[in-house]
């Protein structure tokens, strides 16, 4: 049966693809990927006889024609997305097309740039008694934000924040975060093309964020993490405490 796989290719490095993603790529007759967002190494998992098309130059209408062909000729398509397709992946509009043609579809989750940046920085984003929530968001640029979803309003929570697609206006980003309630000394991590060969990683205070981004001379492929959990010290988790009972381990109390 004709099928479209929406594959999360992860943050860059081909060895961060899941086994399921690699298998789905190998099954495809047509592979559509974005060379501007995904490393060419992921194509090593495609079959030698597969058609390869770069989506960075294609419109949705042009991609739609590949789905039309798949339905007509009983083909399998692998639509490769950077990171995880559920996050800023422009996937929903494609799913509507797939359903229009009666194609089977399946989504393969991928490693996010948030997870990759935290791993590269060796940071935990949810530290007990410091931060137990992570906000995924972006600045309003050419794509507007819905009401109530401003950087400033999210900053008021004071928890960990992961900022996608927000490095093009670093001074405004820094101002919005401080005006929203983060202290100027709040730790930040800036990751550029994390897991790619030219990866760059920087640590800074919030009041140094704009200067740090500008020094990197980047505006795309950049993840910004901010929050008190990124500090070097935190609280011990309850899960592995000898004084904490849970389903699989009970604390023995005597006397």
C-alpha atoms as a PDB file:
ATOM      1  CA  UNK A   1       0.000   0.000   0.000  1.00  0.00           C
ATOM      2  CA  UNK A   2       1.247   3.483  -0.864  1.00  0.00           C
ATOM      3  CA  UNK A   3       2.562   5.241   2.203  1.00  0.00           C
ATOM      4  CA  UNK A   4       4.206   8.444   3.423  1.00  0.00           C
ATOM      5  CA  UNK A   5       6.623   8.334   6.331  1.00  0.00           C
ATOM      6  CA  UNK A   6       7.220  11.590   8.197  1.00  0.00           C
ATOM      7  CA  UNK A   7      10.657  11.021   9.671  1.00  0.00           C
ATOM      8  CA  UNK A   8      12.316  12.978  12.447  1.00  0.00           C
ATOM      9  CA  UNK A   9      15.961  13.124  11.369  1.00  0.00           C
ATOM     10  CA  UNK A  10      17.153  14.612  14.652  1.00  0.00           C
ATOM     11  CA  UNK A  11      19.356  17.668  15.109  1.00  0.00           C
ATOM     12  CA  UNK A  12      21.966  16.783  12.507  1.00  0.00           C
ATOM     13  CA  UNK A  13      24.242  13.806  13.154  1.00  0.00           C
ATOM     14  CA  UNK A  14      23.092  10.764  11.189  1.00  0.00           C
ATOM     15  CA  UNK A  15      23.773   8.410  14.087  1.00  0.00           C
ATOM     16  CA  UNK A  16      21.084  10.215  16.098  1.00  0.00           C
ATOM     17  CA  UNK A  17      18.396   8.786  13.824  1.00  0.00           C
ATOM     18  CA  UNK A  18      16.322   6.080  15.469  1.00  0.00           C
ATOM     19  CA  UNK A  19      16.410   2.519  14.145  1.00  0.00           C
ATOM     20  CA  UNK A  20      12.803   2.992  13.011  1.00  0.00           C
ATOM     21  CA  UNK A  21      13.765   6.134  11.092  1.00  0.00           C
ATOM     22  CA  UNK A  22      16.629   4.358   9.332  1.00  0.00           C
ATOM     23  CA  UNK A  23      14.379   1.456   8.375  1.00  0.00           C
ATOM     24  CA  UNK A  24      11.678   3.788   7.080  1.00  0.00           C
ATOM     25  CA  UNK A  25      14.216   5.672   4.968  1.00  0.00           C
ATOM     26  CA  UNK A  26      15.454   2.406   3.488  1.00  0.00           C
ATOM     27  CA  UNK A  27      11.915   1.396   2.544  1.00  0.00           C
ATOM     28  CA  UNK A  28      11.245   4.560   0.528  1.00  0.00           C
ATOM     29  CA  UNK A  29      11.013   4.847  -3.241  1.00  0.00           C
ATOM     30  CA  UNK A  30      11.101   8.641  -2.942  1.00  0.00           C
ATOM     31  CA  UNK A  31      13.015  10.618  -0.287  1.00  0.00           C
ATOM     32  CA  UNK A  32      12.218  14.297   0.229  1.00  0.00           C
ATOM     33  CA  UNK A  33      14.621  16.076   2.557  1.00  0.00           C
ATOM     34  CA  UNK A  34      15.812  19.638   3.281  1.00  0.00           C
ATOM     35  CA  UNK A  35      19.559  20.029   2.734  1.00  0.00           C
ATOM     36  CA  UNK A  36      19.435  23.320   4.633  1.00  0.00           C
ATOM     37  CA  UNK A  37      18.196  21.582   7.798  1.00  0.00           C
ATOM     38  CA  UNK A  38      19.372  17.969   7.616  1.00  0.00           C
ATOM     39  CA  UNK A  39      22.889  16.638   7.026  1.00  0.00           C
ATOM     40  CA  UNK A  40      23.482  14.662   3.841  1.00  0.00           C
ATOM     41  CA  UNK A  41      24.761  11.761   5.962  1.00  0.00           C
ATOM     42  CA  UNK A  42      21.179  10.691   6.687  1.00  0.00           C
ATOM     43  CA  UNK A  43      20.810   9.776   3.012  1.00  0.00           C
ATOM     44  CA  UNK A  44      23.175   6.865   3.591  1.00  0.00           C
ATOM     45  CA  UNK A  45      20.123   5.004   4.889  1.00  0.00           C
ATOM     46  CA  UNK A  46      18.224   5.498   1.611  1.00  0.00           C
ATOM     47  CA  UNK A  47      18.257   2.826  -1.086  1.00  0.00           C
ATOM     48  CA  UNK A  48      20.604   3.317  -4.019  1.00  0.00           C
ATOM     49  CA  UNK A  49      17.637   3.312  -6.426  1.00  0.00           C
ATOM     50  CA  UNK A  50      15.534   5.806  -4.452  1.00  0.00           C
ATOM     51  CA  UNK A  51      14.641   9.177  -5.937  1.00  0.00           C
ATOM     52  CA  UNK A  52      16.143  11.969  -3.822  1.00  0.00           C
ATOM     53  CA  UNK A  53      14.591  15.446  -3.844  1.00  0.00           C
ATOM     54  CA  UNK A  54      15.682  18.534  -1.888  1.00  0.00           C
ATOM     55  CA  UNK A  55      12.656  20.274  -0.366  1.00  0.00           C
ATOM     56  CA  UNK A  56      14.479  23.555   0.328  1.00  0.00           C
ATOM     57  CA  UNK A  57      13.570  24.707  -3.194  1.00  0.00           C
ATOM     58  CA  UNK A  58      10.060  23.191  -3.257  1.00  0.00           C
ATOM     59  CA  UNK A  59       6.676  24.657  -2.396  1.00  0.00           C
ATOM     60  CA  UNK A  60       3.948  22.617  -0.706  1.00  0.00           C
ATOM     61  CA  UNK A  61       2.192  22.388  -4.069  1.00  0.00           C
ATOM     62  CA  UNK A  62       5.303  20.813  -5.625  1.00  0.00           C
ATOM     63  CA  UNK A  63       5.678  18.348  -2.752  1.00  0.00           C
ATOM     64  CA  UNK A  64       1.997  17.507  -3.209  1.00  0.00           C
ATOM     65  CA  UNK A  65       2.766  16.150  -6.662  1.00  0.00           C
ATOM     66  CA  UNK A  66       5.074  13.506  -5.168  1.00  0.00           C
ATOM     67  CA  UNK A  67       2.252  12.403  -2.891  1.00  0.00           C
ATOM     68  CA  UNK A  68      -0.088  12.270  -5.885  1.00  0.00           C
ATOM     69  CA  UNK A  69       2.404  10.025  -7.692  1.00  0.00           C
ATOM     70  CA  UNK A  70       2.754   7.814  -4.640  1.00  0.00           C
ATOM     71  CA  UNK A  71      -1.009   7.252  -4.561  1.00  0.00           C
ATOM     72  CA  UNK A  72      -1.181   6.565  -8.303  1.00  0.00           C
ATOM     73  CA  UNK A  73       1.870   4.273  -8.547  1.00  0.00           C
ATOM     74  CA  UNK A  74       1.764   2.588  -5.120  1.00  0.00           C
ATOM     75  CA  UNK A  75       5.014   4.158  -3.905  1.00  0.00           C
ATOM     76  CA  UNK A  76       6.509   4.787  -0.487  1.00  0.00           C
ATOM     77  CA  UNK A  77       7.665   8.320   0.334  1.00  0.00           C
ATOM     78  CA  UNK A  78      10.001   9.340   3.158  1.00  0.00           C
ATOM     79  CA  UNK A  79       9.483  12.983   4.104  1.00  0.00           C
ATOM     80  CA  UNK A  80      12.511  13.820   6.234  1.00  0.00           C
ATOM     81  CA  UNK A  81      12.193  16.582   8.836  1.00  0.00           C
ATOM     82  CA  UNK A  82      14.881  18.048  11.053  1.00  0.00           C
ATOM     83  CA  UNK A  83      14.544  17.406  14.776  1.00  0.00           C
ATOM     84  CA  UNK A  84      11.094  16.075  15.594  1.00  0.00           C
ATOM     85  CA  UNK A  85       8.323  16.563  13.003  1.00  0.00           C
ATOM     86  CA  UNK A  86       5.852  17.661  15.694  1.00  0.00           C
ATOM     87  CA  UNK A  87       7.868  20.797  16.497  1.00  0.00           C
ATOM     88  CA  UNK A  88       7.886  23.587  13.900  1.00  0.00           C
ATOM     89  CA  UNK A  89       7.796  20.899  11.208  1.00  0.00           C
ATOM     90  CA  UNK A  90       5.068  22.239   8.861  1.00  0.00           C
ATOM     91  CA  UNK A  91       3.738  18.686   8.997  1.00  0.00           C
ATOM     92  CA  UNK A  92       0.036  19.282   9.575  1.00  0.00           C
ATOM     93  CA  UNK A  93      -0.533  20.821   6.154  1.00  0.00           C
ATOM     94  CA  UNK A  94       1.158  17.820   4.548  1.00  0.00           C
ATOM     95  CA  UNK A  95      -0.923  15.339   6.526  1.00  0.00           C
ATOM     96  CA  UNK A  96      -4.019  16.994   5.108  1.00  0.00           C
ATOM     97  CA  UNK A  97      -2.708  16.368   1.580  1.00  0.00           C
ATOM     98  CA  UNK A  98      -1.830  12.758   2.412  1.00  0.00           C
ATOM     99  CA  UNK A  99      -5.373  12.152   3.680  1.00  0.00           C
ATOM    100  CA  UNK A 100      -6.809  13.857   0.612  1.00  0.00           C
ATOM    101  CA  UNK A 101      -5.111  11.234  -1.554  1.00  0.00           C
ATOM    102  CA  UNK A 102      -6.062   8.356   0.740  1.00  0.00           C
ATOM    103  CA  UNK A 103      -2.428   7.520   1.500  1.00  0.00           C
ATOM    104  CA  UNK A 104      -1.343   5.587   4.543  1.00  0.00           C
ATOM    105  CA  UNK A 105       0.986   7.590   6.799  1.00  0.00           C
ATOM    106  CA  UNK A 106       3.164   7.143   9.845  1.00  0.00           C
ATOM    107  CA  UNK A 107       5.215   9.579  11.921  1.00  0.00           C
ATOM    108  CA  UNK A 108       8.617   8.641  13.329  1.00  0.00           C
ATOM    109  CA  UNK A 109       9.614  10.873  16.266  1.00  0.00           C
ATOM    110  CA  UNK A 110      13.092  12.352  16.281  1.00  0.00           C
ATOM    111  CA  UNK A 111      15.636  13.768  18.706  1.00  0.00           C
ATOM    112  CA  UNK A 112      14.906  17.470  19.188  1.00  0.00           C
ATOM    113  CA  UNK A 113      17.471  20.251  19.072  1.00  0.00           C
ATOM    114  CA  UNK A 114      16.452  20.935  22.677  1.00  0.00           C
ATOM    115  CA  UNK A 115      17.540  17.465  23.763  1.00  0.00           C
ATOM    116  CA  UNK A 116      20.707  17.637  21.672  1.00  0.00           C
ATOM    117  CA  UNK A 117      21.732  21.030  23.064  1.00  0.00           C
ATOM    118  CA  UNK A 118      21.085  19.986  26.659  1.00  0.00           C
ATOM    119  CA  UNK A 119      23.117  16.823  26.081  1.00  0.00           C
ATOM    120  CA  UNK A 120      26.020  18.707  24.502  1.00  0.00           C
ATOM    121  CA  UNK A 121      25.981  21.169  27.401  1.00  0.00           C
ATOM    122  CA  UNK A 122      25.667  18.301  29.920  1.00  0.00           C
ATOM    123  CA  UNK A 123      22.689  19.975  31.558  1.00  0.00           C
ATOM    124  CA  UNK A 124      19.438  18.680  33.005  1.00  0.00           C
ATOM    125  CA  UNK A 125      16.476  20.907  32.206  1.00  0.00           C
ATOM    126  CA  UNK A 126      14.248  19.710  35.054  1.00  0.00           C
ATOM    127  CA  UNK A 127      16.120  19.933  38.349  1.00  0.00           C
ATOM    128  CA  UNK A 128      14.186  19.081  41.558  1.00  0.00           C
ATOM    129  CA  UNK A 129      12.994  22.132  43.472  1.00  0.00           C
ATOM    130  CA  UNK A 130      14.513  24.416  40.812  1.00  0.00           C
ATOM    131  CA  UNK A 131      12.550  23.809  37.587  1.00  0.00           C
ATOM    132  CA  UNK A 132      10.081  21.047  36.763  1.00  0.00           C
ATOM    133  CA  UNK A 133       8.701  22.445  33.519  1.00  0.00           C
ATOM    134  CA  UNK A 134      10.178  23.300  30.120  1.00  0.00           C
ATOM    135  CA  UNK A 135       8.592  25.864  27.791  1.00  0.00           C
ATOM    136  CA  UNK A 136       9.201  25.342  24.058  1.00  0.00           C
ATOM    137  CA  UNK A 137       8.568  28.576  22.173  1.00  0.00           C
ATOM    138  CA  UNK A 138       9.920  31.137  19.714  1.00  0.00           C
ATOM    139  CA  UNK A 139       9.998  34.863  19.082  1.00  0.00           C
ATOM    140  CA  UNK A 140       7.499  36.493  16.783  1.00  0.00           C
ATOM    141  CA  UNK A 141       9.354  37.302  13.564  1.00  0.00           C
ATOM    142  CA  UNK A 142       7.876  36.841  10.077  1.00  0.00           C
ATOM    143  CA  UNK A 143       5.567  34.252  11.635  1.00  0.00           C
ATOM    144  CA  UNK A 144       3.352  35.977  14.232  1.00  0.00           C
ATOM    145  CA  UNK A 145       2.615  34.442  17.629  1.00  0.00           C
ATOM    146  CA  UNK A 146      -0.891  33.720  18.949  1.00  0.00           C
ATOM    147  CA  UNK A 147      -2.273  35.962  21.671  1.00  0.00           C
ATOM    148  CA  UNK A 148      -0.863  35.146  25.095  1.00  0.00           C
ATOM    149  CA  UNK A 149       2.251  33.404  23.771  1.00  0.00           C
ATOM    150  CA  UNK A 150       4.857  36.134  24.025  1.00  0.00           C
ATOM    151  CA  UNK A 151       8.399  35.558  25.253  1.00  0.00           C
ATOM    152  CA  UNK A 152       7.735  38.039  28.032  1.00  0.00           C
ATOM    153  CA  UNK A 153       4.643  36.202  29.306  1.00  0.00           C
ATOM    154  CA  UNK A 154       6.396  32.822  29.352  1.00  0.00           C
ATOM    155  CA  UNK A 155       9.441  34.337  31.079  1.00  0.00           C
ATOM    156  CA  UNK A 156       7.237  35.238  34.021  1.00  0.00           C
ATOM    157  CA  UNK A 157       7.113  31.537  34.962  1.00  0.00           C
ATOM    158  CA  UNK A 158      10.853  31.558  35.653  1.00  0.00           C
ATOM    159  CA  UNK A 159      11.281  27.931  34.633  1.00  0.00           C
ATOM    160  CA  UNK A 160      13.458  26.454  31.856  1.00  0.00           C
ATOM    161  CA  UNK A 161      12.756  27.833  28.412  1.00  0.00           C
ATOM    162  CA  UNK A 162      13.889  26.460  25.042  1.00  0.00           C
ATOM    163  CA  UNK A 163      13.845  29.080  22.297  1.00  0.00           C
ATOM    164  CA  UNK A 164      13.634  27.992  18.677  1.00  0.00           C
ATOM    165  CA  UNK A 165      14.031  30.286  15.675  1.00  0.00           C
ATOM    166  CA  UNK A 166      14.835  33.306  17.824  1.00  0.00           C
ATOM    167  CA  UNK A 167      18.483  34.219  17.199  1.00  0.00           C
ATOM    168  CA  UNK A 168      17.891  36.762  14.432  1.00  0.00           C
ATOM    169  CA  UNK A 169      16.998  39.532  16.935  1.00  0.00           C
ATOM    170  CA  UNK A 170      19.235  38.800  19.928  1.00  0.00           C
ATOM    171  CA  UNK A 171      18.933  42.203  21.608  1.00  0.00           C
ATOM    172  CA  UNK A 172      15.133  42.090  21.584  1.00  0.00           C
ATOM    173  CA  UNK A 173      15.200  38.484  22.778  1.00  0.00           C
ATOM    174  CA  UNK A 174      17.393  39.413  25.741  1.00  0.00           C
ATOM    175  CA  UNK A 175      15.185  42.397  26.607  1.00  0.00           C
ATOM    176  CA  UNK A 176      11.967  40.367  26.466  1.00  0.00           C
ATOM    177  CA  UNK A 177      13.392  37.689  28.750  1.00  0.00           C
ATOM    178  CA  UNK A 178      14.610  40.205  31.331  1.00  0.00           C
ATOM    179  CA  UNK A 179      11.454  42.320  31.138  1.00  0.00           C
ATOM    180  CA  UNK A 180       9.419  39.137  31.618  1.00  0.00           C
ATOM    181  CA  UNK A 181      11.069  38.373  34.930  1.00  0.00           C
ATOM    182  CA  UNK A 182      14.301  36.429  34.487  1.00  0.00           C
ATOM    183  CA  UNK A 183      17.190  37.850  36.497  1.00  0.00           C
ATOM    184  CA  UNK A 184      20.058  39.255  34.395  1.00  0.00           C
ATOM    185  CA  UNK A 185      22.325  36.596  35.942  1.00  0.00           C
ATOM    186  CA  UNK A 186      20.154  33.663  34.759  1.00  0.00           C
ATOM    187  CA  UNK A 187      22.343  31.084  32.992  1.00  0.00           C
ATOM    188  CA  UNK A 188      21.905  30.481  29.271  1.00  0.00           C
ATOM    189  CA  UNK A 189      23.234  28.013  26.721  1.00  0.00           C
ATOM    190  CA  UNK A 190      23.477  28.904  23.034  1.00  0.00           C
ATOM    191  CA  UNK A 191      23.845  25.989  20.634  1.00  0.00           C
ATOM    192  CA  UNK A 192      24.532  26.419  16.933  1.00  0.00           C
ATOM    193  CA  UNK A 193      24.081  23.391  14.632  1.00  0.00           C
ATOM    194  CA  UNK A 194      24.503  21.042  17.572  1.00  0.00           C
ATOM    195  CA  UNK A 195      25.776  17.594  16.475  1.00  0.00           C
ATOM    196  CA  UNK A 196      26.898  18.928  13.059  1.00  0.00           C
ATOM    197  CA  UNK A 197      30.651  19.024  12.314  1.00  0.00           C
ATOM    198  CA  UNK A 198      30.678  22.824  12.807  1.00  0.00           C
ATOM    199  CA  UNK A 199      28.805  22.751  16.141  1.00  0.00           C
ATOM    200  CA  UNK A 200      29.273  25.755  18.407  1.00  0.00           C
ATOM    201  CA  UNK A 201      28.262  25.845  22.077  1.00  0.00           C
ATOM    202  CA  UNK A 202      28.421  28.851  24.395  1.00  0.00           C
ATOM    203  CA  UNK A 203      27.513  29.443  28.046  1.00  0.00           C
ATOM    204  CA  UNK A 204      26.616  32.911  29.275  1.00  0.00           C
ATOM    205  CA  UNK A 205      24.478  34.990  31.634  1.00  0.00           C
ATOM    206  CA  UNK A 206      21.225  36.398  30.305  1.00  0.00           C
ATOM    207  CA  UNK A 207      22.621  39.926  30.274  1.00  0.00           C
ATOM    208  CA  UNK A 208      25.376  38.617  27.959  1.00  0.00           C
ATOM    209  CA  UNK A 209      23.025  36.699  25.633  1.00  0.00           C
ATOM    210  CA  UNK A 210      22.775  39.243  22.815  1.00  0.00           C
ATOM    211  CA  UNK A 211      26.534  39.781  22.718  1.00  0.00           C
ATOM    212  CA  UNK A 212      27.138  36.017  22.778  1.00  0.00           C
ATOM    213  CA  UNK A 213      24.827  35.363  19.817  1.00  0.00           C
ATOM    214  CA  UNK A 214      26.309  38.261  17.865  1.00  0.00           C
ATOM    215  CA  UNK A 215      29.836  37.031  18.513  1.00  0.00           C
ATOM    216  CA  UNK A 216      28.877  33.679  16.989  1.00  0.00           C
ATOM    217  CA  UNK A 217      27.567  35.527  13.914  1.00  0.00           C
ATOM    218  CA  UNK A 218      24.580  33.224  13.629  1.00  0.00           C
ATOM    219  CA  UNK A 219      20.879  33.730  13.016  1.00  0.00           C
ATOM    220  CA  UNK A 220      19.680  30.288  11.940  1.00  0.00           C
ATOM    221  CA  UNK A 221      20.113  26.725  13.267  1.00  0.00           C
ATOM    222  CA  UNK A 222      20.403  28.140  16.777  1.00  0.00           C
ATOM    223  CA  UNK A 223      18.847  26.879  20.010  1.00  0.00           C
ATOM    224  CA  UNK A 224      18.810  29.025  23.151  1.00  0.00           C
ATOM    225  CA  UNK A 225      18.218  27.446  26.555  1.00  0.00           C
ATOM    226  CA  UNK A 226      17.626  29.604  29.614  1.00  0.00           C
ATOM    227  CA  UNK A 227      16.664  29.045  33.226  1.00  0.00           C
ATOM    228  CA  UNK A 228      17.942  28.467  36.753  1.00  0.00           C
ATOM    229  CA  UNK A 229      18.175  24.711  36.146  1.00  0.00           C
ATOM    230  CA  UNK A 230      21.217  25.400  33.942  1.00  0.00           C
ATOM    231  CA  UNK A 231      23.229  26.481  36.970  1.00  0.00           C
ATOM    232  CA  UNK A 232      25.916  24.080  38.122  1.00  0.00           C
ATOM    233  CA  UNK A 233      24.204  23.238  41.405  1.00  0.00           C
ATOM    234  CA  UNK A 234      20.812  21.684  42.085  1.00  0.00           C
ATOM    235  CA  UNK A 235      18.836  19.553  44.480  1.00  0.00           C
ATOM    236  CA  UNK A 236      19.126  15.783  44.736  1.00  0.00           C
ATOM    237  CA  UNK A 237      16.203  13.894  43.169  1.00  0.00           C
ATOM    238  CA  UNK A 238      13.774  12.003  45.396  1.00  0.00           C
ATOM    239  CA  UNK A 239      13.715   9.003  43.072  1.00  0.00           C
ATOM    240  CA  UNK A 240      17.096   7.616  44.131  1.00  0.00           C
ATOM    241  CA  UNK A 241      17.062   8.836  47.706  1.00  0.00           C
ATOM    242  CA  UNK A 242      17.333   6.083  50.341  1.00  0.00           C
ATOM    243  CA  UNK A 243      14.529   7.851  52.244  1.00  0.00           C
ATOM    244  CA  UNK A 244      12.029   7.811  49.360  1.00  0.00           C
ATOM    245  CA  UNK A 245       9.640   4.897  48.776  1.00  0.00           C
ATOM    246  CA  UNK A 246       8.090   4.132  45.391  1.00  0.00           C
ATOM    247  CA  UNK A 247       6.430   1.231  43.567  1.00  0.00           C
ATOM    248  CA  UNK A 248       9.648  -0.749  43.132  1.00  0.00           C
ATOM    249  CA  UNK A 249      11.452   0.054  46.360  1.00  0.00           C
ATOM    250  CA  UNK A 250      10.104   0.531  49.882  1.00  0.00           C
ATOM    251  CA  UNK A 251      12.012   2.282  52.616  1.00  0.00           C
ATOM    252  CA  UNK A 252      12.489   0.130  55.650  1.00  0.00           C
ATOM    253  CA  UNK A 253      11.700   2.023  58.835  1.00  0.00           C
ATOM    254  CA  UNK A 254      12.549   0.672  62.271  1.00  0.00           C
ATOM    255  CA  UNK A 255      11.756   1.919  65.758  1.00  0.00           C
END
